[in-house]
Amino acid sequence: MHHKKYKIREKLMAASGRSRQANTPLEPSKKSDGRVSFPHRMSLDLTPAQYEWLKEAAWQNRQSASGLLRLIIDQLMADPSQLNAIVKK
């Protein structure tokens, strides 16, 4: 019986666009001020040169650093052969 309740709850959460883990949204959501909120956060360890490059590249492209990283990740997800070429170097 408990298993059945669990499946029903999981279906309801999925239908509402929320995940079971930590009850967080599955997709980015808009805040009342128009900014976008993303459901997952990650901390990166960067060298000073990597940090400066990312900051400059983001500024030149009128993006936030996190926005630029999301765009790069989206591109790599769309074409995994690009990642393979980078990793094999």
PDB file of N, CA and C in Angstrom:
ATOM      1  N   MET A   1       0.832  -1.195   0.000  1.00  0.00           N
ATOM      2  CA  MET A   1       0.000   0.000   0.000  1.00  0.00           C
ATOM      3  C   MET A   1       0.874   1.256   0.000  1.00  0.00           C
ATOM      4  N   HIS A   2       1.923   1.258   0.812  1.00  0.00           N
ATOM      5  CA  HIS A   2       2.831   2.406   0.887  1.00  0.00           C
ATOM      6  C   HIS A   2       3.441   2.692  -0.486  1.00  0.00           C
ATOM      7  N   HIS A   3       3.789   1.654  -1.218  1.00  0.00           N
ATOM      8  CA  HIS A   3       4.398   1.801  -2.543  1.00  0.00           C
ATOM      9  C   HIS A   3       3.441   2.519  -3.494  1.00  0.00           C
ATOM     10  N   LYS A   4       2.162   2.199  -3.430  1.00  0.00           N
ATOM     11  CA  LYS A   4       1.158   2.819  -4.288  1.00  0.00           C
ATOM     12  C   LYS A   4       1.035   4.314  -3.978  1.00  0.00           C
ATOM     13  N   LYS A   5       1.036   4.671  -2.695  1.00  0.00           N
ATOM     14  CA  LYS A   5       0.964   6.075  -2.289  1.00  0.00           C
ATOM     15  C   LYS A   5       2.175   6.840  -2.829  1.00  0.00           C
ATOM     16  N   TYR A   6       3.317   6.214  -2.754  1.00  0.00           N
ATOM     17  CA  TYR A   6       4.557   6.832  -3.208  1.00  0.00           C
ATOM     18  C   TYR A   6       4.477   7.136  -4.702  1.00  0.00           C
ATOM     19  N   LYS A   7       3.979   6.191  -5.487  1.00  0.00           N
ATOM     20  CA  LYS A   7       3.860   6.390  -6.938  1.00  0.00           C
ATOM     21  C   LYS A   7       2.870   7.506  -7.261  1.00  0.00           C
ATOM     22  N   ILE A   8       1.781   7.578  -6.544  1.00  0.00           N
ATOM     23  CA  ILE A   8       0.795   8.636  -6.768  1.00  0.00           C
ATOM     24  C   ILE A   8       1.418   9.995  -6.453  1.00  0.00           C
ATOM     25  N   ARG A   9       2.120  10.093  -5.340  1.00  0.00           N
ATOM     26  CA  ARG A   9       2.776  11.353  -4.964  1.00  0.00           C
ATOM     27  C   ARG A   9       3.798  11.759  -6.025  1.00  0.00           C
ATOM     28  N   GLU A  10       4.566  10.790  -6.523  1.00  0.00           N
ATOM     29  CA  GLU A  10       5.572  11.057  -7.545  1.00  0.00           C
ATOM     30  C   GLU A  10       4.911  11.591  -8.820  1.00  0.00           C
ATOM     31  N   LYS A  11       3.783  10.995  -9.221  1.00  0.00           N
ATOM     32  CA  LYS A  11       3.064  11.451 -10.417  1.00  0.00           C
ATOM     33  C   LYS A  11       2.535  12.868 -10.226  1.00  0.00           C
ATOM     34  N   LEU A  12       1.989  13.163  -9.055  1.00  0.00           N
ATOM     35  CA  LEU A  12       1.468  14.501  -8.772  1.00  0.00           C
ATOM     36  C   LEU A  12       2.584  15.538  -8.818  1.00  0.00           C
ATOM     37  N   MET A  13       3.743  15.202  -8.240  1.00  0.00           N
ATOM     38  CA  MET A  13       4.872  16.134  -8.236  1.00  0.00           C
ATOM     39  C   MET A  13       5.385  16.355  -9.652  1.00  0.00           C
ATOM     40  N   ALA A  14       5.458  15.299 -10.443  1.00  0.00           N
ATOM     41  CA  ALA A  14       5.928  15.433 -11.822  1.00  0.00           C
ATOM     42  C   ALA A  14       4.958  16.296 -12.621  1.00  0.00           C
ATOM     43  N   ALA A  15       3.682  16.100 -12.402  1.00  0.00           N
ATOM     44  CA  ALA A  15       2.677  16.885 -13.114  1.00  0.00           C
ATOM     45  C   ALA A  15       2.749  18.360 -12.741  1.00  0.00           C
ATOM     46  N   SER A  16       3.178  18.643 -11.510  1.00  0.00           N
ATOM     47  CA  SER A  16       3.283  20.039 -11.070  1.00  0.00           C
ATOM     48  C   SER A  16       4.631  20.646 -11.432  1.00  0.00           C
ATOM     49  N   GLY A  17       5.512  19.860 -12.077  1.00  0.00           N
ATOM     50  CA  GLY A  17       6.812  20.386 -12.478  1.00  0.00           C
ATOM     51  C   GLY A  17       7.820  20.422 -11.355  1.00  0.00           C
ATOM     52  N   ARG A  18       7.671  19.562 -10.365  1.00  0.00           N
ATOM     53  CA  ARG A  18       8.597  19.547  -9.235  1.00  0.00           C
ATOM     54  C   ARG A  18       9.217  18.155  -9.114  1.00  0.00           C
ATOM     55  N   SER A  19      10.447  18.116  -8.581  1.00  0.00           N
ATOM     56  CA  SER A  19      11.124  16.839  -8.404  1.00  0.00           C
ATOM     57  C   SER A  19      10.916  16.339  -6.984  1.00  0.00           C
ATOM     58  N   ARG A  20      11.091  15.058  -6.810  1.00  0.00           N
ATOM     59  CA  ARG A  20      10.965  14.459  -5.485  1.00  0.00           C
ATOM     60  C   ARG A  20      12.120  14.886  -4.597  1.00  0.00           C
ATOM     61  N   GLN A  21      13.345  14.968  -5.157  1.00  0.00           N
ATOM     62  CA  GLN A  21      14.518  15.339  -4.385  1.00  0.00           C
ATOM     63  C   GLN A  21      14.410  16.799  -3.981  1.00  0.00           C
ATOM     64  N   ALA A  22      14.350  17.043  -2.706  1.00  0.00           N
ATOM     65  CA  ALA A  22      14.332  18.381  -2.123  1.00  0.00           C
ATOM     66  C   ALA A  22      13.146  19.229  -2.591  1.00  0.00           C
ATOM     67  N   ASN A  23      12.183  18.600  -3.261  1.00  0.00           N
ATOM     68  CA  ASN A  23      10.976  19.284  -3.701  1.00  0.00           C
ATOM     69  C   ASN A  23      11.306  20.568  -4.479  1.00  0.00           C
ATOM     70  N   THR A  24      12.275  20.493  -5.388  1.00  0.00           N
ATOM     71  CA  THR A  24      12.692  21.653  -6.165  1.00  0.00           C
ATOM     72  C   THR A  24      12.090  21.607  -7.563  1.00  0.00           C
ATOM     73  N   PRO A  25      11.929  22.778  -8.197  1.00  0.00           N
ATOM     74  CA  PRO A  25      11.410  22.784  -9.560  1.00  0.00           C
ATOM     75  C   PRO A  25      12.350  22.047 -10.504  1.00  0.00           C
ATOM     76  N   LEU A  26      11.793  21.427 -11.542  1.00  0.00           N
ATOM     77  CA  LEU A  26      12.603  20.717 -12.528  1.00  0.00           C
ATOM     78  C   LEU A  26      13.169  21.672 -13.568  1.00  0.00           C
ATOM     79  N   GLU A  27      12.514  22.788 -13.777  1.00  0.00           N
ATOM     80  CA  GLU A  27      12.919  23.768 -14.784  1.00  0.00           C
ATOM     81  C   GLU A  27      13.158  25.118 -14.109  1.00  0.00           C
ATOM     82  N   PRO A  28      13.930  25.989 -14.775  1.00  0.00           N
ATOM     83  CA  PRO A  28      14.110  27.340 -14.232  1.00  0.00           C
ATOM     84  C   PRO A  28      12.749  28.021 -14.075  1.00  0.00           C
ATOM     85  N   SER A  29      12.645  28.896 -13.088  1.00  0.00           N
ATOM     86  CA  SER A  29      11.393  29.621 -12.878  1.00  0.00           C
ATOM     87  C   SER A  29      11.688  31.113 -12.813  1.00  0.00           C
ATOM     88  N   LYS A  30      10.690  31.911 -13.181  1.00  0.00           N
ATOM     89  CA  LYS A  30      10.848  33.368 -13.146  1.00  0.00           C
ATOM     90  C   LYS A  30      10.429  33.881 -11.775  1.00  0.00           C
ATOM     91  N   LYS A  31      11.256  34.798 -11.241  1.00  0.00           N
ATOM     92  CA  LYS A  31      10.911  35.451  -9.988  1.00  0.00           C
ATOM     93  C   LYS A  31      10.019  36.651 -10.294  1.00  0.00           C
ATOM     94  N   SER A  32       9.448  37.240  -9.259  1.00  0.00           N
ATOM     95  CA  SER A  32       8.537  38.366  -9.458  1.00  0.00           C
ATOM     96  C   SER A  32       9.225  39.570 -10.088  1.00  0.00           C
ATOM     97  N   ASP A  33      10.545  39.685  -9.915  1.00  0.00           N
ATOM     98  CA  ASP A  33      11.260  40.827 -10.502  1.00  0.00           C
ATOM     99  C   ASP A  33      11.749  40.538 -11.922  1.00  0.00           C
ATOM    100  N   GLY A  34      11.372  39.371 -12.481  1.00  0.00           N
ATOM    101  CA  GLY A  34      11.729  39.040 -13.851  1.00  0.00           C
ATOM    102  C   GLY A  34      12.990  38.210 -13.993  1.00  0.00           C
ATOM    103  N   ARG A  35      13.778  38.097 -12.926  1.00  0.00           N
ATOM    104  CA  ARG A  35      14.990  37.280 -13.001  1.00  0.00           C
ATOM    105  C   ARG A  35      14.612  35.801 -13.028  1.00  0.00           C
ATOM    106  N   VAL A  36      15.531  34.985 -13.532  1.00  0.00           N
ATOM    107  CA  VAL A  36      15.290  33.546 -13.619  1.00  0.00           C
ATOM    108  C   VAL A  36      16.017  32.851 -12.475  1.00  0.00           C
ATOM    109  N   SER A  37      15.347  31.904 -11.859  1.00  0.00           N
ATOM    110  CA  SER A  37      15.931  31.121 -10.772  1.00  0.00           C
ATOM    111  C   SER A  37      16.116  29.684 -11.252  1.00  0.00           C
ATOM    112  N   PHE A  38      17.295  29.127 -11.039  1.00  0.00           N
ATOM    113  CA  PHE A  38      17.589  27.767 -11.485  1.00  0.00           C
ATOM    114  C   PHE A  38      17.586  26.822 -10.288  1.00  0.00           C
ATOM    115  N   PRO A  39      17.140  25.571 -10.488  1.00  0.00           N
ATOM    116  CA  PRO A  39      16.957  24.649  -9.368  1.00  0.00           C
ATOM    117  C   PRO A  39      18.233  24.037  -8.806  1.00  0.00           C
ATOM    118  N   HIS A  40      19.368  24.160  -9.499  1.00  0.00           N
ATOM    119  CA  HIS A  40      20.597  23.547  -9.006  1.00  0.00           C
ATOM    120  C   HIS A  40      21.734  24.559  -9.012  1.00  0.00           C
ATOM    121  N   ARG A  41      22.583  24.484  -8.020  1.00  0.00           N
ATOM    122  CA  ARG A  41      23.736  25.369  -7.922  1.00  0.00           C
ATOM    123  C   ARG A  41      24.996  24.516  -7.844  1.00  0.00           C
ATOM    124  N   MET A  42      26.105  25.086  -8.322  1.00  0.00           N
ATOM    125  CA  MET A  42      27.372  24.365  -8.290  1.00  0.00           C
ATOM    126  C   MET A  42      28.488  25.368  -8.014  1.00  0.00           C
ATOM    127  N   SER A  43      29.428  24.957  -7.218  1.00  0.00           N
ATOM    128  CA  SER A  43      30.596  25.780  -6.937  1.00  0.00           C
ATOM    129  C   SER A  43      31.760  25.266  -7.783  1.00  0.00           C
ATOM    130  N   LEU A  44      32.515  26.179  -8.407  1.00  0.00           N
ATOM    131  CA  LEU A  44      33.645  25.789  -9.247  1.00  0.00           C
ATOM    132  C   LEU A  44      34.944  26.297  -8.652  1.00  0.00           C
ATOM    133  N   ASP A  45      35.973  25.487  -8.726  1.00  0.00           N
ATOM    134  CA  ASP A  45      37.311  25.911  -8.339  1.00  0.00           C
ATOM    135  C   ASP A  45      38.032  26.321  -9.610  1.00  0.00           C
ATOM    136  N   LEU A  46      38.414  27.594  -9.707  1.00  0.00           N
ATOM    137  CA  LEU A  46      39.066  28.129 -10.895  1.00  0.00           C
ATOM    138  C   LEU A  46      40.418  28.725 -10.540  1.00  0.00           C
ATOM    139  N   THR A  47      41.333  28.654 -11.500  1.00  0.00           N
ATOM    140  CA  THR A  47      42.602  29.359 -11.329  1.00  0.00           C
ATOM    141  C   THR A  47      42.317  30.845 -11.548  1.00  0.00           C
ATOM    142  N   PRO A  48      43.209  31.722 -11.122  1.00  0.00           N
ATOM    143  CA  PRO A  48      43.003  33.149 -11.390  1.00  0.00           C
ATOM    144  C   PRO A  48      42.850  33.436 -12.887  1.00  0.00           C
ATOM    145  N   ALA A  49      43.619  32.758 -13.728  1.00  0.00           N
ATOM    146  CA  ALA A  49      43.529  32.979 -15.175  1.00  0.00           C
ATOM    147  C   ALA A  49      42.169  32.532 -15.710  1.00  0.00           C
ATOM    148  N   GLN A  50      41.672  31.390 -15.256  1.00  0.00           N
ATOM    149  CA  GLN A  50      40.355  30.905 -15.692  1.00  0.00           C
ATOM    150  C   GLN A  50      39.257  31.868 -15.248  1.00  0.00           C
ATOM    151  N   TYR A  51      39.356  32.344 -14.028  1.00  0.00           N
ATOM    152  CA  TYR A  51      38.366  33.269 -13.489  1.00  0.00           C
ATOM    153  C   TYR A  51      38.335  34.563 -14.302  1.00  0.00           C
ATOM    154  N   GLU A  52      39.509  35.125 -14.573  1.00  0.00           N
ATOM    155  CA  GLU A  52      39.590  36.375 -15.344  1.00  0.00           C
ATOM    156  C   GLU A  52      39.077  36.173 -16.765  1.00  0.00           C
ATOM    157  N   TRP A  53      39.421  35.031 -17.379  1.00  0.00           N
ATOM    158  CA  TRP A  53      38.935  34.747 -18.728  1.00  0.00           C
ATOM    159  C   TRP A  53      37.417  34.665 -18.755  1.00  0.00           C
ATOM    160  N   LEU A  54      36.847  33.931 -17.808  1.00  0.00           N
ATOM    161  CA  LEU A  54      35.396  33.758 -17.750  1.00  0.00           C
ATOM    162  C   LEU A  54      34.702  35.096 -17.527  1.00  0.00           C
ATOM    163  N   LYS A  55      35.230  35.881 -16.609  1.00  0.00           N
ATOM    164  CA  LYS A  55      34.649  37.186 -16.317  1.00  0.00           C
ATOM    165  C   LYS A  55      34.691  38.085 -17.558  1.00  0.00           C
ATOM    166  N   GLU A  56      35.810  38.124 -18.265  1.00  0.00           N
ATOM    167  CA  GLU A  56      35.976  38.945 -19.461  1.00  0.00           C
ATOM    168  C   GLU A  56      35.088  38.436 -20.602  1.00  0.00           C
ATOM    169  N   ALA A  57      35.059  37.111 -20.811  1.00  0.00           N
ATOM    170  CA  ALA A  57      34.237  36.537 -21.875  1.00  0.00           C
ATOM    171  C   ALA A  57      32.757  36.820 -21.619  1.00  0.00           C
ATOM    172  N   ALA A  58      32.336  36.716 -20.384  1.00  0.00           N
ATOM    173  CA  ALA A  58      30.939  36.991 -20.040  1.00  0.00           C
ATOM    174  C   ALA A  58      30.622  38.467 -20.295  1.00  0.00           C
ATOM    175  N   TRP A  59      31.507  39.354 -19.873  1.00  0.00           N
ATOM    176  CA  TRP A  59      31.285  40.783 -20.063  1.00  0.00           C
ATOM    177  C   TRP A  59      31.213  41.126 -21.548  1.00  0.00           C
ATOM    178  N   GLN A  60      32.140  40.593 -22.346  1.00  0.00           N
ATOM    179  CA  GLN A  60      32.173  40.877 -23.778  1.00  0.00           C
ATOM    180  C   GLN A  60      30.914  40.378 -24.493  1.00  0.00           C
ATOM    181  N   ASN A  61      30.326  39.316 -23.979  1.00  0.00           N
ATOM    182  CA  ASN A  61      29.129  38.732 -24.595  1.00  0.00           C
ATOM    183  C   ASN A  61      27.839  39.161 -23.900  1.00  0.00           C
ATOM    184  N   ARG A  62      27.966  40.116 -23.013  1.00  0.00           N
ATOM    185  CA  ARG A  62      26.806  40.654 -22.277  1.00  0.00           C
ATOM    186  C   ARG A  62      25.991  39.549 -21.616  1.00  0.00           C
ATOM    187  N   GLN A  63      26.714  38.672 -20.939  1.00  0.00           N
ATOM    188  CA  GLN A  63      26.124  37.539 -20.216  1.00  0.00           C
ATOM    189  C   GLN A  63      26.672  37.549 -18.799  1.00  0.00           C
ATOM    190  N   SER A  64      25.964  36.904 -17.902  1.00  0.00           N
ATOM    191  CA  SER A  64      26.563  36.626 -16.598  1.00  0.00           C
ATOM    192  C   SER A  64      27.511  35.443 -16.798  1.00  0.00           C
ATOM    193  N   ALA A  65      28.444  35.271 -15.898  1.00  0.00           N
ATOM    194  CA  ALA A  65      29.365  34.127 -16.004  1.00  0.00           C
ATOM    195  C   ALA A  65      28.583  32.817 -15.969  1.00  0.00           C
ATOM    196  N   SER A  66      27.590  32.731 -15.085  1.00  0.00           N
ATOM    197  CA  SER A  66      26.800  31.495 -15.013  1.00  0.00           C
ATOM    198  C   SER A  66      25.978  31.310 -16.282  1.00  0.00           C
ATOM    199  N   GLY A  67      25.460  32.390 -16.849  1.00  0.00           N
ATOM    200  CA  GLY A  67      24.713  32.297 -18.098  1.00  0.00           C
ATOM    201  C   GLY A  67      25.586  31.814 -19.242  1.00  0.00           C
ATOM    202  N   LEU A  68      26.825  32.317 -19.294  1.00  0.00           N
ATOM    203  CA  LEU A  68      27.757  31.875 -20.329  1.00  0.00           C
ATOM    204  C   LEU A  68      28.087  30.399 -20.168  1.00  0.00           C
ATOM    205  N   LEU A  69      28.325  29.960 -18.936  1.00  0.00           N
ATOM    206  CA  LEU A  69      28.605  28.542 -18.698  1.00  0.00           C
ATOM    207  C   LEU A  69      27.412  27.668 -19.088  1.00  0.00           C
ATOM    208  N   ARG A  70      26.178  28.133 -18.806  1.00  0.00           N
ATOM    209  CA  ARG A  70      24.996  27.363 -19.207  1.00  0.00           C
ATOM    210  C   ARG A  70      24.914  27.251 -20.728  1.00  0.00           C
ATOM    211  N   LEU A  71      25.224  28.349 -21.446  1.00  0.00           N
ATOM    212  CA  LEU A  71      25.220  28.301 -22.911  1.00  0.00           C
ATOM    213  C   LEU A  71      26.251  27.306 -23.439  1.00  0.00           C
ATOM    214  N   ILE A  72      27.446  27.316 -22.849  1.00  0.00           N
ATOM    215  CA  ILE A  72      28.503  26.386 -23.259  1.00  0.00           C
ATOM    216  C   ILE A  72      28.065  24.943 -23.003  1.00  0.00           C
ATOM    217  N   ILE A  73      27.490  24.709 -21.839  1.00  0.00           N
ATOM    218  CA  ILE A  73      27.026  23.359 -21.497  1.00  0.00           C
ATOM    219  C   ILE A  73      25.926  22.917 -22.453  1.00  0.00           C
ATOM    220  N   ASP A  74      24.986  23.821 -22.759  1.00  0.00           N
ATOM    221  CA  ASP A  74      23.921  23.489 -23.719  1.00  0.00           C
ATOM    222  C   ASP A  74      24.516  23.085 -25.064  1.00  0.00           C
ATOM    223  N   GLN A  75      25.533  23.813 -25.517  1.00  0.00           N
ATOM    224  CA  GLN A  75      26.176  23.507 -26.793  1.00  0.00           C
ATOM    225  C   GLN A  75      26.838  22.131 -26.752  1.00  0.00           C
ATOM    226  N   LEU A  76      27.519  21.830 -25.660  1.00  0.00           N
ATOM    227  CA  LEU A  76      28.177  20.529 -25.524  1.00  0.00           C
ATOM    228  C   LEU A  76      27.161  19.396 -25.405  1.00  0.00           C
ATOM    229  N   MET A  77      26.037  19.665 -24.771  1.00  0.00           N
ATOM    230  CA  MET A  77      24.991  18.654 -24.666  1.00  0.00           C
ATOM    231  C   MET A  77      24.394  18.365 -26.043  1.00  0.00           C
ATOM    232  N   ALA A  78      24.270  19.402 -26.872  1.00  0.00           N
ATOM    233  CA  ALA A  78      23.696  19.235 -28.204  1.00  0.00           C
ATOM    234  C   ALA A  78      24.640  18.493 -29.144  1.00  0.00           C
ATOM    235  N   ASP A  79      25.957  18.630 -28.907  1.00  0.00           N
ATOM    236  CA  ASP A  79      26.941  17.981 -29.774  1.00  0.00           C
ATOM    237  C   ASP A  79      28.064  17.396 -28.918  1.00  0.00           C
ATOM    238  N   PRO A  80      27.852  16.211 -28.350  1.00  0.00           N
ATOM    239  CA  PRO A  80      28.844  15.598 -27.463  1.00  0.00           C
ATOM    240  C   PRO A  80      30.203  15.369 -28.122  1.00  0.00           C
ATOM    241  N   SER A  81      30.277  15.341 -29.440  1.00  0.00           N
ATOM    242  CA  SER A  81      31.576  15.143 -30.098  1.00  0.00           C
ATOM    243  C   SER A  81      32.519  16.311 -29.791  1.00  0.00           C
ATOM    244  N   GLN A  82      31.959  17.495 -29.557  1.00  0.00           N
ATOM    245  CA  GLN A  82      32.797  18.640 -29.176  1.00  0.00           C
ATOM    246  C   GLN A  82      33.484  18.379 -27.839  1.00  0.00           C
ATOM    247  N   LEU A  83      32.736  17.838 -26.895  1.00  0.00           N
ATOM    248  CA  LEU A  83      33.314  17.513 -25.582  1.00  0.00           C
ATOM    249  C   LEU A  83      34.377  16.447 -25.720  1.00  0.00           C
ATOM    250  N   ASN A  84      34.082  15.433 -26.516  1.00  0.00           N
ATOM    251  CA  ASN A  84      35.059  14.352 -26.725  1.00  0.00           C
ATOM    252  C   ASN A  84      36.364  14.898 -27.287  1.00  0.00           C
ATOM    253  N   ALA A  85      36.275  15.851 -28.221  1.00  0.00           N
ATOM    254  CA  ALA A  85      37.471  16.448 -28.802  1.00  0.00           C
ATOM    255  C   ALA A  85      38.274  17.229 -27.767  1.00  0.00           C
ATOM    256  N   ILE A  86      37.591  17.900 -26.854  1.00  0.00           N
ATOM    257  CA  ILE A  86      38.275  18.663 -25.808  1.00  0.00           C
ATOM    258  C   ILE A  86      38.914  17.743 -24.786  1.00  0.00           C
ATOM    259  N   VAL A  87      38.196  16.746 -24.344  1.00  0.00           N
ATOM    260  CA  VAL A  87      38.682  15.845 -23.291  1.00  0.00           C
ATOM    261  C   VAL A  87      39.859  15.002 -23.765  1.00  0.00           C
ATOM    262  N   LYS A  88      39.884  14.650 -25.041  1.00  0.00           N
ATOM    263  CA  LYS A  88      40.949  13.794 -25.559  1.00  0.00           C
ATOM    264  C   LYS A  88      42.248  14.535 -25.788  1.00  0.00           C
ATOM    265  N   LYS A  89      42.263  15.859 -25.670  1.00  0.00           N
ATOM    266  CA  LYS A  89      43.501  16.623 -25.887  1.00  0.00           C
ATOM    267  C   LYS A  89      44.484  16.399 -24.779  1.00  0.00           C
TER     268      LYS A  89
END
